[in-house]
Amino acid sequence: MKFTLLPLLAITALLAACGPNAAIDSDTERGLVGAAVGYGAAKAVKGNGDRGAIIGGLAGVFCDDAGICAPAYR
């Protein structure tokens, strides 16, 4: 069951860090938002909060590099 939750946590963190009209400009800010949302989402489904924070932080940092979201200044 936990393996099915990991993609859900990553998607939740990406949407929070790269949502429409997001005013989050840098990789650091997106990483912090992604880590916070990933931690909260993991705890909400009684998962491992540390793992959720790591996945969310990585998703936030690399979302613009993967072309999923773009920085606000572009």
N, C-alpha and C. Protein backbone atom coordinates (compact mmCIF):
# COMPACT_ATOMS: atom_id res chain seq x y z
N MET A 1 0.81 -1.19 0.00
CA MET A 1 0.00 0.00 0.00
C MET A 1 0.86 1.26 0.00
N LYS A 2 1.99 1.25 0.68
CA LYS A 2 2.81 2.45 0.76
C LYS A 2 3.43 2.81 -0.58
N PHE A 3 3.68 1.82 -1.44
CA PHE A 3 4.26 2.14 -2.73
C PHE A 3 3.27 2.90 -3.61
N THR A 4 2.00 2.70 -3.40
CA THR A 4 1.01 3.45 -4.17
C THR A 4 0.85 4.87 -3.65
N LEU A 5 1.25 5.14 -2.42
CA LEU A 5 1.14 6.47 -1.86
C LEU A 5 2.29 7.38 -2.27
N LEU A 6 3.44 6.84 -2.60
CA LEU A 6 4.59 7.67 -2.95
C LEU A 6 4.34 8.55 -4.17
N PRO A 7 3.79 8.03 -5.26
CA PRO A 7 3.49 8.94 -6.38
C PRO A 7 2.46 10.00 -6.02
N LEU A 8 1.50 9.64 -5.19
CA LEU A 8 0.50 10.61 -4.76
C LEU A 8 1.14 11.74 -3.96
N LEU A 9 2.08 11.41 -3.10
CA LEU A 9 2.78 12.43 -2.33
C LEU A 9 3.60 13.33 -3.23
N ALA A 10 4.27 12.76 -4.22
CA ALA A 10 5.07 13.55 -5.15
C ALA A 10 4.20 14.50 -5.96
N ILE A 11 3.05 14.02 -6.42
CA ILE A 11 2.14 14.86 -7.19
C ILE A 11 1.58 15.99 -6.33
N THR A 12 1.24 15.69 -5.09
CA THR A 12 0.72 16.71 -4.18
C THR A 12 1.76 17.79 -3.95
N ALA A 13 3.00 17.40 -3.73
CA ALA A 13 4.07 18.38 -3.52
C ALA A 13 4.31 19.22 -4.77
N LEU A 14 4.26 18.60 -5.93
CA LEU A 14 4.46 19.34 -7.18
C LEU A 14 3.35 20.37 -7.38
N LEU A 15 2.12 19.98 -7.13
CA LEU A 15 1.02 20.91 -7.31
C LEU A 15 1.11 22.08 -6.34
N ALA A 16 1.57 21.83 -5.15
CA ALA A 16 1.69 22.92 -4.17
C ALA A 16 2.82 23.86 -4.54
N ALA A 17 3.93 23.32 -5.00
CA ALA A 17 5.09 24.15 -5.31
C ALA A 17 4.96 24.82 -6.67
N CYS A 18 4.19 24.27 -7.56
CA CYS A 18 4.13 24.78 -8.93
C CYS A 18 2.72 25.13 -9.35
N GLY A 19 1.87 25.42 -8.42
CA GLY A 19 0.48 25.71 -8.75
C GLY A 19 0.35 26.95 -9.61
N PRO A 20 -0.82 27.15 -10.17
CA PRO A 20 -1.05 28.33 -11.00
C PRO A 20 -0.81 29.61 -10.21
N ASN A 21 -0.13 30.54 -10.83
CA ASN A 21 0.18 31.84 -10.22
C ASN A 21 1.00 31.71 -8.95
N ALA A 22 1.81 30.68 -8.87
CA ALA A 22 2.66 30.51 -7.69
C ALA A 22 3.73 31.60 -7.69
N ALA A 23 3.95 32.21 -6.56
CA ALA A 23 4.94 33.27 -6.44
C ALA A 23 6.24 32.73 -5.88
N ILE A 24 6.49 31.47 -6.11
CA ILE A 24 7.69 30.83 -5.60
C ILE A 24 8.72 30.83 -6.72
N ASP A 25 9.80 31.58 -6.54
CA ASP A 25 10.74 31.81 -7.64
C ASP A 25 11.91 30.86 -7.69
N SER A 26 12.48 30.51 -6.56
CA SER A 26 13.75 29.78 -6.59
C SER A 26 13.56 28.29 -6.28
N ASP A 27 14.59 27.52 -6.63
CA ASP A 27 14.57 26.10 -6.32
C ASP A 27 14.48 25.86 -4.82
N THR A 28 15.14 26.71 -4.04
CA THR A 28 15.12 26.56 -2.59
C THR A 28 13.72 26.73 -2.04
N GLU A 29 13.03 27.76 -2.51
CA GLU A 29 11.66 27.98 -2.03
C GLU A 29 10.74 26.84 -2.43
N ARG A 30 10.85 26.39 -3.69
CA ARG A 30 10.01 25.28 -4.13
C ARG A 30 10.34 24.01 -3.36
N GLY A 31 11.61 23.80 -3.06
CA GLY A 31 12.01 22.63 -2.29
C GLY A 31 11.45 22.65 -0.88
N LEU A 32 11.48 23.82 -0.25
CA LEU A 32 10.94 23.93 1.11
C LEU A 32 9.43 23.74 1.14
N VAL A 33 8.74 24.33 0.17
CA VAL A 33 7.29 24.14 0.10
C VAL A 33 6.96 22.68 -0.18
N GLY A 34 7.69 22.08 -1.12
CA GLY A 34 7.46 20.68 -1.44
C GLY A 34 7.72 19.76 -0.26
N ALA A 35 8.78 20.06 0.51
CA ALA A 35 9.08 19.24 1.69
C ALA A 35 7.99 19.38 2.75
N ALA A 36 7.51 20.59 2.95
CA ALA A 36 6.46 20.80 3.95
C ALA A 36 5.17 20.10 3.55
N VAL A 37 4.80 20.23 2.28
CA VAL A 37 3.56 19.59 1.83
C VAL A 37 3.72 18.07 1.81
N GLY A 38 4.89 17.60 1.39
CA GLY A 38 5.13 16.16 1.38
C GLY A 38 5.08 15.56 2.78
N TYR A 39 5.64 16.28 3.75
CA TYR A 39 5.59 15.81 5.14
C TYR A 39 4.15 15.76 5.63
N GLY A 40 3.41 16.84 5.38
CA GLY A 40 2.02 16.89 5.83
C GLY A 40 1.15 15.83 5.17
N ALA A 41 1.36 15.62 3.87
CA ALA A 41 0.57 14.62 3.16
C ALA A 41 0.90 13.22 3.66
N ALA A 42 2.17 12.96 3.93
CA ALA A 42 2.55 11.63 4.44
C ALA A 42 1.96 11.39 5.82
N LYS A 43 1.99 12.38 6.66
CA LYS A 43 1.42 12.23 8.00
C LYS A 43 -0.10 12.10 7.95
N ALA A 44 -0.73 12.76 6.97
CA ALA A 44 -2.19 12.68 6.85
C ALA A 44 -2.65 11.28 6.49
N VAL A 45 -1.82 10.54 5.76
CA VAL A 45 -2.19 9.17 5.39
C VAL A 45 -1.45 8.15 6.25
N LYS A 46 -0.93 8.63 7.38
CA LYS A 46 -0.24 7.79 8.36
C LYS A 46 0.99 7.10 7.75
N GLY A 47 1.70 7.85 6.90
CA GLY A 47 2.93 7.35 6.29
C GLY A 47 4.15 7.89 7.02
N ASN A 48 5.31 7.66 6.45
CA ASN A 48 6.56 8.13 7.01
C ASN A 48 6.77 9.59 6.60
N GLY A 49 6.72 10.49 7.58
CA GLY A 49 6.86 11.91 7.31
C GLY A 49 8.20 12.29 6.73
N ASP A 50 9.25 11.64 7.18
CA ASP A 50 10.58 11.96 6.66
C ASP A 50 10.68 11.60 5.17
N ARG A 51 10.16 10.47 4.82
CA ARG A 51 10.18 10.04 3.41
C ARG A 51 9.33 11.00 2.56
N GLY A 52 8.19 11.41 3.08
CA GLY A 52 7.35 12.36 2.37
C GLY A 52 8.04 13.70 2.17
N ALA A 53 8.76 14.16 3.19
CA ALA A 53 9.48 15.43 3.08
C ALA A 53 10.60 15.33 2.05
N ILE A 54 11.31 14.23 2.02
CA ILE A 54 12.39 14.05 1.04
C ILE A 54 11.83 14.03 -0.37
N ILE A 55 10.78 13.25 -0.59
CA ILE A 55 10.18 13.16 -1.92
C ILE A 55 9.60 14.51 -2.34
N GLY A 56 8.91 15.16 -1.43
CA GLY A 56 8.33 16.46 -1.74
C GLY A 56 9.38 17.52 -2.01
N GLY A 57 10.45 17.52 -1.23
CA GLY A 57 11.53 18.48 -1.45
C GLY A 57 12.20 18.28 -2.80
N LEU A 58 12.48 17.04 -3.14
CA LEU A 58 13.10 16.76 -4.44
C LEU A 58 12.15 17.12 -5.58
N ALA A 59 10.88 16.82 -5.41
CA ALA A 59 9.91 17.17 -6.45
C ALA A 59 9.83 18.68 -6.64
N GLY A 60 9.86 19.42 -5.55
CA GLY A 60 9.82 20.88 -5.65
C GLY A 60 11.05 21.46 -6.30
N VAL A 61 12.21 20.93 -5.97
CA VAL A 61 13.46 21.46 -6.53
C VAL A 61 13.56 21.18 -8.02
N PHE A 62 13.19 19.99 -8.44
CA PHE A 62 13.42 19.60 -9.83
C PHE A 62 12.20 19.76 -10.74
N CYS A 63 11.11 20.34 -10.25
CA CYS A 63 9.92 20.43 -11.10
C CYS A 63 10.14 21.35 -12.30
N ASP A 64 10.86 22.46 -12.12
CA ASP A 64 11.10 23.34 -13.27
C ASP A 64 12.13 22.75 -14.22
N ASP A 65 13.08 22.00 -13.71
CA ASP A 65 14.07 21.35 -14.58
C ASP A 65 13.43 20.28 -15.45
N ALA A 66 12.38 19.64 -14.93
CA ALA A 66 11.68 18.61 -15.68
C ALA A 66 10.65 19.20 -16.63
N GLY A 67 10.43 20.51 -16.56
CA GLY A 67 9.47 21.17 -17.44
C GLY A 67 8.04 21.10 -16.94
N ILE A 68 7.85 20.71 -15.70
CA ILE A 68 6.49 20.60 -15.14
C ILE A 68 5.98 21.98 -14.73
N CYS A 69 6.84 22.77 -14.16
CA CYS A 69 6.45 24.12 -13.78
C CYS A 69 7.57 25.07 -14.21
N ALA A 70 7.25 26.31 -14.31
CA ALA A 70 8.24 27.32 -14.71
C ALA A 70 8.34 28.37 -13.63
N PRO A 71 9.51 28.93 -13.41
CA PRO A 71 9.64 30.00 -12.43
C PRO A 71 8.75 31.18 -12.80
N ALA A 72 8.33 31.95 -11.82
CA ALA A 72 7.42 33.06 -12.04
C ALA A 72 8.03 34.16 -12.89
N TYR A 73 9.34 34.29 -12.94
CA TYR A 73 9.98 35.35 -13.69
C TYR A 73 10.15 35.05 -15.16
N ARG A 74 9.74 33.89 -15.62
CA ARG A 74 9.86 33.55 -17.05
C ARG A 74 8.68 34.05 -17.81
